[in-house]
N, C-alpha and C. Protein backbone atom coordinates (compact mmCIF):
# COMPACT_ATOMS: atom_id res chain seq x y z
N MET A 1 5.68 -4.42 33.72
CA MET A 1 5.90 -4.05 31.91
C MET A 1 7.16 -3.68 32.17
N VAL A 2 8.34 -4.63 31.10
CA VAL A 2 9.55 -3.70 30.81
C VAL A 2 10.29 -2.96 29.58
N ARG A 3 10.22 -2.34 30.20
CA ARG A 3 10.69 -0.56 28.89
C ARG A 3 11.93 -0.71 28.62
N ARG A 4 12.23 -0.14 27.08
CA ARG A 4 13.42 -0.59 26.76
C ARG A 4 13.88 0.68 26.18
N LYS A 5 14.85 1.48 26.07
CA LYS A 5 15.63 2.35 25.56
C LYS A 5 14.89 2.62 24.23
N GLN A 6 14.67 3.66 23.45
CA GLN A 6 13.51 3.97 22.32
C GLN A 6 14.96 3.50 20.99
N SER A 7 16.46 3.34 21.31
CA SER A 7 17.03 2.70 20.58
C SER A 7 17.48 1.36 20.21
N ASP A 8 17.34 1.07 21.67
CA ASP A 8 16.87 -0.99 21.66
C ASP A 8 16.04 -1.23 21.13
N ARG A 9 14.86 -0.50 20.76
CA ARG A 9 13.50 -1.50 20.43
C ARG A 9 14.09 -0.84 18.37
N HIS A 10 14.41 -0.31 18.29
CA HIS A 10 15.06 -0.20 16.74
C HIS A 10 16.27 -0.97 16.28
N GLU A 11 17.21 -1.26 17.19
CA GLU A 11 18.58 -2.21 17.19
C GLU A 11 17.76 -3.80 17.14
N HIS A 12 17.17 -3.63 17.89
CA HIS A 12 16.21 -5.23 18.17
C HIS A 12 14.87 -5.36 17.53
N ARG A 13 14.38 -4.36 16.62
CA ARG A 13 13.37 -4.64 16.44
C ARG A 13 12.76 -5.60 15.59
N SER A 14 11.75 -6.42 15.84
CA SER A 14 10.78 -7.33 15.69
C SER A 14 10.41 -7.19 13.99
N SER A 15 10.74 -7.68 13.43
CA SER A 15 9.84 -7.12 11.25
C SER A 15 8.42 -7.35 11.41
N ILE A 16 7.75 -7.60 13.07
CA ILE A 16 6.34 -7.40 12.68
C ILE A 16 5.75 -6.44 11.40
N MET A 17 4.90 -7.00 10.50
CA MET A 17 4.45 -6.17 9.18
C MET A 17 4.01 -4.53 10.02
N ASN A 18 4.42 -3.68 9.29
CA ASN A 18 3.90 -2.48 9.28
C ASN A 18 3.14 -1.40 8.00
N ILE A 19 2.34 -1.20 8.36
CA ILE A 19 1.43 -0.64 6.81
C ILE A 19 2.48 0.59 6.92
N GLY A 20 2.96 0.98 5.68
CA GLY A 20 3.29 2.32 5.89
C GLY A 20 2.79 3.17 4.63
N ARG A 21 3.38 3.91 5.09
CA ARG A 21 2.68 5.68 3.98
C ARG A 21 2.58 4.89 2.64
N ARG A 22 3.61 4.35 1.99
CA ARG A 22 4.11 3.98 0.82
C ARG A 22 2.65 3.16 0.43
N VAL A 23 2.21 2.32 0.90
CA VAL A 23 1.30 1.69 0.69
C VAL A 23 -0.33 2.43 0.62
N ASP A 24 -0.12 3.23 1.74
CA ASP A 24 -0.92 4.32 1.24
C ASP A 24 -1.30 4.92 0.80
N TYR A 25 -0.74 5.33 0.56
CA TYR A 25 -0.55 6.49 -0.75
C TYR A 25 -0.89 6.17 -2.01
N ALA A 26 -0.30 4.69 -2.16
CA ALA A 26 -0.63 3.77 -3.19
C ALA A 26 -2.08 3.63 -3.55
N VAL A 27 -2.74 2.72 -2.41
CA VAL A 27 -3.84 2.84 -2.44
C VAL A 27 -4.88 3.86 -2.84
N ARG A 28 -4.31 5.36 -2.10
CA ARG A 28 -5.30 6.08 -2.73
C ARG A 28 -5.38 6.64 -3.89
N ALA A 29 -4.58 6.42 -4.36
CA ALA A 29 -3.70 7.06 -5.80
C ALA A 29 -4.57 6.24 -6.16
N LEU A 30 -4.70 4.66 -6.84
CA LEU A 30 -5.02 3.58 -7.34
C LEU A 30 -6.81 3.73 -6.98
N CYS A 31 -7.07 4.22 -5.51
CA CYS A 31 -8.54 4.33 -5.77
C CYS A 31 -9.08 5.59 -6.10
N TYR A 32 -8.58 6.42 -6.23
CA TYR A 32 -8.99 8.09 -7.27
C TYR A 32 -8.99 7.26 -8.63
N MET A 33 -8.17 7.04 -9.21
CA MET A 33 -7.95 6.35 -10.65
C MET A 33 -9.22 5.32 -11.65
N ALA A 34 -9.16 4.75 -10.42
CA ALA A 34 -10.11 3.04 -10.53
C ALA A 34 -11.47 4.04 -10.90
N ALA A 35 -11.65 5.11 -9.99
CA ALA A 35 -13.23 5.47 -10.53
C ALA A 35 -13.23 6.47 -11.33
N GLN A 36 -12.24 6.73 -12.12
CA GLN A 36 -12.69 7.99 -13.27
C GLN A 36 -12.65 7.11 -14.17
N PRO A 37 -13.61 8.02 -15.87
CA PRO A 37 -13.64 7.06 -16.57
C PRO A 37 -12.26 6.02 -17.39
N GLU A 38 -13.67 4.95 -17.85
CA GLU A 38 -12.10 4.03 -18.24
C GLU A 38 -10.69 4.71 -19.65
N GLY A 39 -9.98 4.63 -19.40
CA GLY A 39 -8.93 5.09 -20.06
C GLY A 39 -8.48 6.64 -19.89
N ARG A 40 -8.88 7.25 -18.66
CA ARG A 40 -8.64 8.42 -18.83
C ARG A 40 -7.59 8.93 -18.09
N ILE A 41 -6.43 9.59 -18.83
CA ILE A 41 -5.41 9.86 -18.40
C ILE A 41 -5.38 10.78 -17.54
N ILE A 42 -5.04 10.19 -15.92
CA ILE A 42 -4.88 11.35 -15.56
C ILE A 42 -3.31 11.72 -14.61
N PRO A 43 -3.56 13.77 -14.61
CA PRO A 43 -1.92 13.99 -14.15
C PRO A 43 -2.06 13.54 -12.80
N ARG A 44 -0.44 13.75 -12.87
CA ARG A 44 0.18 13.38 -11.61
C ARG A 44 -0.14 14.20 -10.29
N ALA A 45 -0.74 15.69 -10.96
CA ALA A 45 -0.38 17.07 -10.03
C ALA A 45 -2.26 16.43 -9.42
N GLU A 46 -3.24 16.43 -10.30
CA GLU A 46 -4.41 15.43 -9.86
C GLU A 46 -4.93 14.74 -8.78
N ILE A 47 -3.56 13.74 -9.16
CA ILE A 47 -3.47 12.80 -7.83
C ILE A 47 -3.33 13.29 -6.88
N GLN A 48 -2.23 13.44 -6.78
CA GLN A 48 -1.34 14.56 -5.79
C GLN A 48 -2.52 15.28 -4.79
N GLU A 49 -3.06 16.13 -5.58
CA GLU A 49 -4.39 17.17 -5.42
C GLU A 49 -5.80 16.73 -4.63
N ARG A 50 -6.45 15.31 -5.64
CA ARG A 50 -6.98 14.96 -4.82
C ARG A 50 -6.63 14.29 -3.37
N GLN A 51 -6.05 13.49 -3.83
CA GLN A 51 -5.84 12.67 -2.53
C GLN A 51 -4.76 12.72 -1.29
N SER A 52 -3.96 14.09 -1.08
CA SER A 52 -3.83 15.26 -0.41
C SER A 52 -2.13 13.72 -0.31
N ILE A 53 -1.44 13.74 -1.53
CA ILE A 53 -0.04 12.98 -1.72
C ILE A 53 0.76 13.39 -1.52
N PRO A 54 1.91 13.42 -0.69
CA PRO A 54 3.29 14.57 -0.95
C PRO A 54 3.47 14.90 -2.22
N PRO A 55 4.34 15.14 -3.34
CA PRO A 55 4.74 14.44 -4.53
C PRO A 55 6.20 14.25 -4.43
N HIS A 56 6.99 13.69 -3.73
CA HIS A 56 8.09 13.09 -3.58
C HIS A 56 7.64 11.29 -2.96
N PHE A 57 6.51 11.40 -2.60
CA PHE A 57 5.98 9.77 -2.39
C PHE A 57 5.57 9.32 -3.53
N LEU A 58 4.56 10.37 -4.24
CA LEU A 58 3.84 9.82 -5.53
C LEU A 58 4.73 9.98 -6.65
N SER A 59 5.35 10.56 -6.77
CA SER A 59 6.63 10.15 -7.62
C SER A 59 7.23 8.82 -7.87
N LYS A 60 7.61 8.46 -6.85
CA LYS A 60 8.43 6.90 -6.25
C LYS A 60 7.28 5.87 -6.63
N ILE A 61 6.00 5.91 -5.77
CA ILE A 61 4.95 4.90 -5.81
C ILE A 61 4.22 5.00 -7.31
N LEU A 62 4.34 6.04 -7.74
CA LEU A 62 3.53 5.72 -9.41
C LEU A 62 4.84 4.68 -10.28
N ARG A 63 5.99 5.49 -9.78
CA ARG A 63 7.12 4.57 -11.06
C ARG A 63 6.61 3.30 -10.52
N SER A 64 7.07 2.92 -8.99
CA SER A 64 6.45 1.31 -8.76
C SER A 64 5.45 0.42 -8.94
N MET A 65 4.73 1.44 -9.21
CA MET A 65 3.33 0.59 -9.95
C MET A 65 3.39 0.60 -11.88
N VAL A 66 4.10 1.49 -12.02
CA VAL A 66 4.25 1.36 -13.66
C VAL A 66 5.27 -0.02 -13.61
N SER A 67 5.96 -0.16 -13.18
CA SER A 67 6.99 -1.14 -12.92
C SER A 67 6.30 -2.30 -12.96
N ALA A 68 5.58 -1.87 -11.86
CA ALA A 68 5.05 -3.89 -12.02
C ALA A 68 3.24 -4.09 -13.14
N GLY A 69 2.95 -2.99 -14.00
CA GLY A 69 2.07 -2.81 -14.52
C GLY A 69 1.24 -2.25 -14.03
N ILE A 70 1.20 -2.26 -13.22
CA ILE A 70 -0.06 -2.13 -12.69
C ILE A 70 -1.47 -0.57 -13.27
N LEU A 71 0.03 0.18 -13.82
CA LEU A 71 -0.43 1.67 -14.46
C LEU A 71 0.84 2.09 -15.32
N LEU A 72 -0.13 2.54 -16.52
CA LEU A 72 0.82 3.32 -17.65
C LEU A 72 1.01 4.52 -17.35
N SER A 73 2.46 4.95 -17.86
CA SER A 73 3.06 6.13 -17.70
C SER A 73 2.47 7.22 -19.05
N VAL A 74 1.87 7.75 -19.12
CA VAL A 74 1.97 8.60 -20.93
C VAL A 74 2.45 9.80 -20.44
N PRO A 75 3.31 9.89 -21.40
CA PRO A 75 4.05 11.13 -21.81
C PRO A 75 3.63 12.32 -22.31
N GLY A 76 4.22 13.21 -22.18
CA GLY A 76 3.55 14.70 -22.98
C GLY A 76 3.27 15.47 -22.28
N ALA A 77 2.32 16.88 -23.01
CA ALA A 77 1.88 17.84 -22.46
C ALA A 77 0.44 17.49 -21.33
N ARG A 78 0.02 16.59 -22.46
CA ARG A 78 -1.32 15.79 -21.76
C ARG A 78 -0.95 14.65 -21.03
N GLY A 79 -0.24 14.56 -20.54
CA GLY A 79 0.40 12.88 -20.25
C GLY A 79 0.02 12.68 -18.42
N GLY A 80 0.02 11.96 -18.17
CA GLY A 80 -0.67 11.00 -16.88
C GLY A 80 0.31 10.07 -17.00
N PHE A 81 -1.01 9.10 -16.24
CA PHE A 81 -0.98 7.83 -15.70
C PHE A 81 -1.85 7.50 -16.35
N ARG A 82 -2.87 6.52 -16.40
CA ARG A 82 -3.77 5.36 -16.18
C ARG A 82 -3.61 4.08 -16.07
N LEU A 83 -4.46 3.84 -15.30
CA LEU A 83 -4.67 1.73 -15.05
C LEU A 83 -4.82 1.07 -16.43
N GLY A 84 -2.69 0.42 -15.75
CA GLY A 84 -2.93 -0.71 -16.79
C GLY A 84 -3.34 -2.24 -16.59
N VAL A 85 -4.14 -2.21 -15.82
CA VAL A 85 -5.20 -3.44 -15.54
C VAL A 85 -6.37 -3.15 -15.36
N ASP A 86 -7.75 -3.53 -15.13
CA ASP A 86 -8.73 -3.55 -14.70
C ASP A 86 -8.86 -3.65 -12.90
N PRO A 87 -9.47 -2.41 -12.58
CA PRO A 87 -9.37 -2.21 -11.01
C PRO A 87 -10.06 -4.17 -10.53
N ALA A 88 -10.55 -4.39 -11.20
CA ALA A 88 -11.55 -5.74 -10.40
C ALA A 88 -10.24 -6.54 -10.17
N ASP A 89 -9.00 -6.62 -10.84
CA ASP A 89 -7.86 -7.63 -11.18
C ASP A 89 -6.71 -6.89 -10.21
N ILE A 90 -7.07 -5.63 -9.41
CA ILE A 90 -5.82 -4.65 -8.83
C ILE A 90 -6.26 -5.63 -6.91
N SER A 91 -5.32 -5.95 -6.97
CA SER A 91 -5.65 -6.40 -5.20
C SER A 91 -4.69 -5.39 -4.85
N VAL A 92 -5.41 -5.34 -3.72
CA VAL A 92 -4.35 -5.05 -2.40
C VAL A 92 -3.16 -5.12 -2.14
N ARG A 93 -3.41 -6.10 -1.74
CA ARG A 93 -2.13 -7.14 -1.58
C ARG A 93 -0.81 -6.86 -3.10
N ALA A 94 -1.71 -7.11 -4.55
CA ALA A 94 -0.62 -6.77 -5.45
C ALA A 94 -0.45 -5.17 -4.95
N VAL A 95 -1.04 -4.59 -4.90
CA VAL A 95 -0.42 -2.96 -4.53
C VAL A 95 0.50 -2.65 -3.44
N TYR A 96 0.20 -3.38 -2.20
CA TYR A 96 1.44 -3.85 -1.21
C TYR A 96 3.01 -3.53 -1.70
N GLU A 97 2.42 -5.11 -2.18
CA GLU A 97 3.78 -5.84 -2.93
C GLU A 97 4.41 -5.55 -4.04
N SER A 98 3.57 -4.22 -4.73
CA SER A 98 4.44 -3.37 -6.02
C SER A 98 5.12 -1.92 -5.33
N VAL A 99 4.92 -1.85 -4.22
CA VAL A 99 5.05 -0.82 -3.74
C VAL A 99 6.31 -0.84 -2.18
N GLU A 100 6.51 -2.36 -2.02
CA GLU A 100 7.08 -2.89 -0.66
C GLU A 100 8.07 -4.13 -1.03
N GLY A 101 7.46 -4.83 -1.69
CA GLY A 101 7.75 -6.01 -1.97
C GLY A 101 7.62 -7.31 -1.53
N PRO A 102 7.43 -9.09 -1.13
CA PRO A 102 6.85 -9.80 -1.50
C PRO A 102 5.89 -9.00 0.16
N LEU A 103 4.69 -9.63 0.26
CA LEU A 103 4.37 -9.83 1.95
C LEU A 103 5.18 -10.73 2.87
N ALA A 104 5.50 -9.91 4.37
CA ALA A 104 5.76 -10.45 4.68
C ALA A 104 5.63 -10.08 6.31
N LEU A 105 4.49 -10.35 7.36
CA LEU A 105 4.68 -10.44 8.93
C LEU A 105 6.29 -10.00 9.85
N ILE A 106 7.01 -11.74 9.26
CA ILE A 106 7.90 -11.58 10.07
C ILE A 106 9.05 -12.24 9.20
N GLU A 107 10.26 -11.62 8.92
CA GLU A 107 11.34 -12.42 7.84
C GLU A 107 11.33 -13.64 7.97
N CYS A 108 12.06 -14.62 9.51
CA CYS A 108 11.76 -15.50 9.13
C CYS A 108 10.33 -16.53 8.99
N VAL A 109 9.35 -16.55 9.08
CA VAL A 109 7.94 -16.33 8.42
C VAL A 109 8.71 -17.20 6.37
N GLU A 110 9.08 -16.47 5.66
CA GLU A 110 9.21 -16.58 4.23
C GLU A 110 11.15 -17.66 4.30
N GLY A 111 11.49 -17.93 6.01
CA GLY A 111 12.36 -19.33 5.53
C GLY A 111 13.90 -18.77 5.49
N GLU A 112 13.17 -17.69 5.91
CA GLU A 112 15.15 -17.30 6.29
C GLU A 112 15.67 -17.36 7.62
N ASP A 113 16.01 -18.38 7.71
CA ASP A 113 16.39 -19.30 9.21
C ASP A 113 17.68 -17.78 9.74
N ARG A 114 17.86 -16.77 8.95
CA ARG A 114 19.57 -16.57 8.92
C ARG A 114 18.58 -14.88 9.88
N ALA A 115 17.05 -14.50 9.43
CA ALA A 115 16.70 -13.52 10.35
C ALA A 115 16.68 -13.89 11.62
N CYS A 116 16.45 -14.64 12.24
CA CYS A 116 16.83 -14.87 13.64
C CYS A 116 17.56 -16.16 14.31
N CYS A 117 17.92 -16.31 14.59
CA CYS A 117 19.04 -17.37 15.38
C CYS A 117 17.86 -18.32 16.07
N PHE A 118 17.05 -18.29 16.67
CA PHE A 118 16.06 -18.77 17.09
C PHE A 118 15.19 -19.61 15.95
N ALA A 119 14.83 -18.95 14.94
CA ALA A 119 14.31 -19.60 13.86
C ALA A 119 13.61 -20.96 13.30
N PRO A 120 15.34 -22.29 14.14
CA PRO A 120 15.05 -23.72 13.96
C PRO A 120 14.47 -24.23 14.65
N VAL A 121 14.45 -23.81 16.29
CA VAL A 121 13.52 -23.83 17.32
C VAL A 121 12.30 -23.49 17.40
N CYS A 122 12.07 -22.41 17.14
CA CYS A 122 11.11 -21.88 17.33
C CYS A 122 9.46 -22.43 17.69
N THR A 123 8.76 -21.53 18.66
CA THR A 123 7.47 -22.18 19.29
C THR A 123 6.63 -21.73 18.24
N GLN A 124 7.09 -19.94 17.84
CA GLN A 124 5.80 -19.85 17.65
C GLN A 124 5.99 -19.48 15.90
N ILE A 125 6.79 -19.98 15.05
CA ILE A 125 6.39 -19.36 13.97
C ILE A 125 5.15 -20.05 12.98
N ASP A 126 4.92 -21.42 14.09
CA ASP A 126 3.88 -21.74 13.09
C ASP A 126 2.45 -20.28 13.24
N ILE A 127 2.66 -19.45 14.41
CA ILE A 127 1.41 -18.89 14.70
C ILE A 127 1.69 -17.57 13.40
N TRP A 128 2.75 -16.99 13.08
CA TRP A 128 3.07 -15.79 12.44
C TRP A 128 2.74 -16.37 11.00
N ARG A 129 2.99 -17.71 10.55
CA ARG A 129 3.15 -18.32 9.42
C ARG A 129 1.58 -18.33 9.32
N GLY A 130 0.62 -18.91 9.95
CA GLY A 130 -0.94 -18.90 10.42
C GLY A 130 -1.26 -17.43 9.61
N ALA A 131 -0.77 -16.32 10.43
CA ALA A 131 -1.41 -15.04 10.14
C ALA A 131 -1.19 -14.50 9.00
N GLN A 132 0.34 -14.74 8.55
CA GLN A 132 0.83 -14.17 7.41
C GLN A 132 -0.54 -14.66 5.93
N GLN A 133 -0.32 -16.31 6.45
CA GLN A 133 -1.72 -16.40 5.16
C GLN A 133 -2.83 -16.16 5.58
N LEU A 134 -3.88 -15.65 7.06
CA LEU A 134 -4.90 -15.67 6.94
C LEU A 134 -4.39 -13.61 6.10
N LEU A 135 -3.78 -12.89 6.59
CA LEU A 135 -4.02 -11.59 5.90
C LEU A 135 -3.29 -11.51 4.61
N SER A 136 -2.67 -12.68 3.62
CA SER A 136 -2.08 -12.88 1.96
C SER A 136 -3.87 -13.07 2.06
N GLN A 137 -4.32 -13.93 2.10
CA GLN A 137 -5.75 -14.50 1.39
C GLN A 137 -6.63 -13.16 1.82
N TYR A 138 -6.60 -12.12 2.84
CA TYR A 138 -7.64 -11.23 2.60
C TYR A 138 -7.06 -10.19 1.80
N LEU A 139 -6.22 -10.08 2.02
CA LEU A 139 -5.87 -8.66 1.11
C LEU A 139 -5.78 -9.32 -0.48
N GLU A 140 -6.04 -10.38 -0.66
CA GLU A 140 -5.59 -10.52 -2.71
C GLU A 140 -7.49 -10.30 -2.49
N GLN A 141 -7.90 -10.74 -1.45
CA GLN A 141 -9.45 -10.74 -2.07
C GLN A 141 -10.20 -9.33 -2.68
N ILE A 142 -9.97 -8.43 -1.53
CA ILE A 142 -9.63 -7.08 -2.11
C ILE A 142 -9.72 -6.17 -2.53
N THR A 143 -10.50 -5.63 -4.13
CA THR A 143 -9.68 -5.22 -5.06
C THR A 143 -9.82 -4.07 -4.87
N ILE A 144 -9.26 -2.93 -5.94
CA ILE A 144 -9.58 -1.74 -6.13
C ILE A 144 -10.80 -0.92 -6.54
N ARG A 145 -11.19 -2.07 -7.38
CA ARG A 145 -12.56 -1.41 -7.45
C ARG A 145 -13.27 -1.56 -6.64
N ASP A 146 -12.99 -2.75 -5.54
CA ASP A 146 -14.59 -2.71 -4.36
C ASP A 146 -13.83 -1.02 -3.62
N VAL A 147 -13.08 -0.43 -3.51
CA VAL A 147 -12.81 0.73 -2.52
C VAL A 147 -12.19 2.06 -3.24
N ALA A 148 -13.10 1.86 -4.56
CA ALA A 148 -12.64 3.24 -6.02
C ALA A 148 -13.35 3.78 -5.04
N ASP A 149 -12.83 5.12 -5.40
CA ASP A 149 -13.25 6.72 -4.83
C ASP A 149 -13.48 7.96 -6.01
N ARG A 150 -14.29 8.31 -6.67
CA ARG A 150 -14.54 9.10 -8.07
C ARG A 150 -13.96 10.76 -7.34
N HIS A 151 -14.54 10.42 -6.19
CA HIS A 151 -13.93 12.34 -6.29
C HIS A 151 -12.60 12.23 -5.44
N GLY A 152 -12.29 11.67 -4.69
CA GLY A 152 -10.75 11.24 -4.23
C GLY A 152 -11.59 12.19 -1.98
N LEU A 153 -9.97 11.56 -1.50
CA LEU A 153 -10.62 12.46 -0.17
C LEU A 153 -10.71 13.30 0.01
N VAL A 154 -9.92 14.47 -0.76
CA VAL A 154 -9.67 16.04 0.01
C VAL A 154 -10.72 16.61 -0.69
N PRO A 155 -11.88 16.74 -1.71
CA PRO A 155 -12.68 17.26 -1.38
C PRO A 155 -14.07 16.05 -1.13
N ARG A 156 -13.97 15.23 -0.52
CA ARG A 156 -15.38 14.39 0.44
C ARG A 156 -14.63 15.02 1.38
N LEU A 157 -13.75 15.45 2.08
CA LEU A 157 -13.03 15.54 3.55
C LEU A 157 -13.80 17.58 3.98
N ARG A 158 -14.01 18.25 2.38
CA ARG A 158 -14.32 19.47 2.39
C ARG A 158 -16.20 19.67 2.54
N GLU A 159 -16.67 18.21 2.29
CA GLU A 159 -18.09 18.26 2.24
C GLU A 159 -18.47 17.81 2.90
N THR A 160 -17.53 17.54 4.57
CA THR A 160 -18.44 16.44 5.28
C THR A 160 -18.12 17.19 6.54
N PRO A 161 -19.50 17.96 7.22
CA PRO A 161 -19.78 18.86 8.00
C PRO A 161 -18.81 18.44 9.50
N SER A 162 -18.05 18.96 9.89
CA SER A 162 -17.20 19.21 11.13
C SER A 162 -18.00 18.71 12.41
N ILE A 163 -17.97 17.90 12.96
CA ILE A 163 -18.38 17.34 14.38
C ILE A 163 -17.95 17.63 15.29
N VAL A 164 -18.97 19.04 15.87
CA VAL A 164 -18.67 19.71 17.02
C VAL A 164 -17.88 19.17 18.15
N GLY A 165 -17.17 19.80 19.22
CA GLY A 165 -17.22 18.86 20.45
C GLY A 165 -16.24 17.60 20.39
N ALA A 166 -15.70 17.47 19.18
CA ALA A 166 -14.52 16.75 19.07
C ALA A 166 -13.37 16.60 18.65
């Protein structure tokens, strides 16, 4: 097994997709919002508390989803956010792309030959294209309605008995 220094891995790091916190937090926020009564305006602080999302991440994520049309922002003292689209019409892929941009396992799959000097002769590119296509199709099939959560993660965790000896 060849080991590289930490700095080498980041300088020459592959762009194989890593689902980051922003995507996780965006899905969490929408899961909670989708299970609330239709049209309900949900304060940012409530989403933050129920889904344990740090405020600096949540503000950016909510803005991204408003820009994408997934959410509507309601200003004012009783303001907050509400879904701009039926949760059955919001795919996990759309959520990913609203906060991260186009879904790409590896840059060269998107046809960017400049991403790698070997792209024109690469024998692996079809593997990554196929994997990206499967992942895209899979995430497109799962909707926010499928994973909606009325109570939120934090309250559900409090209600779950702790496992002794784990």
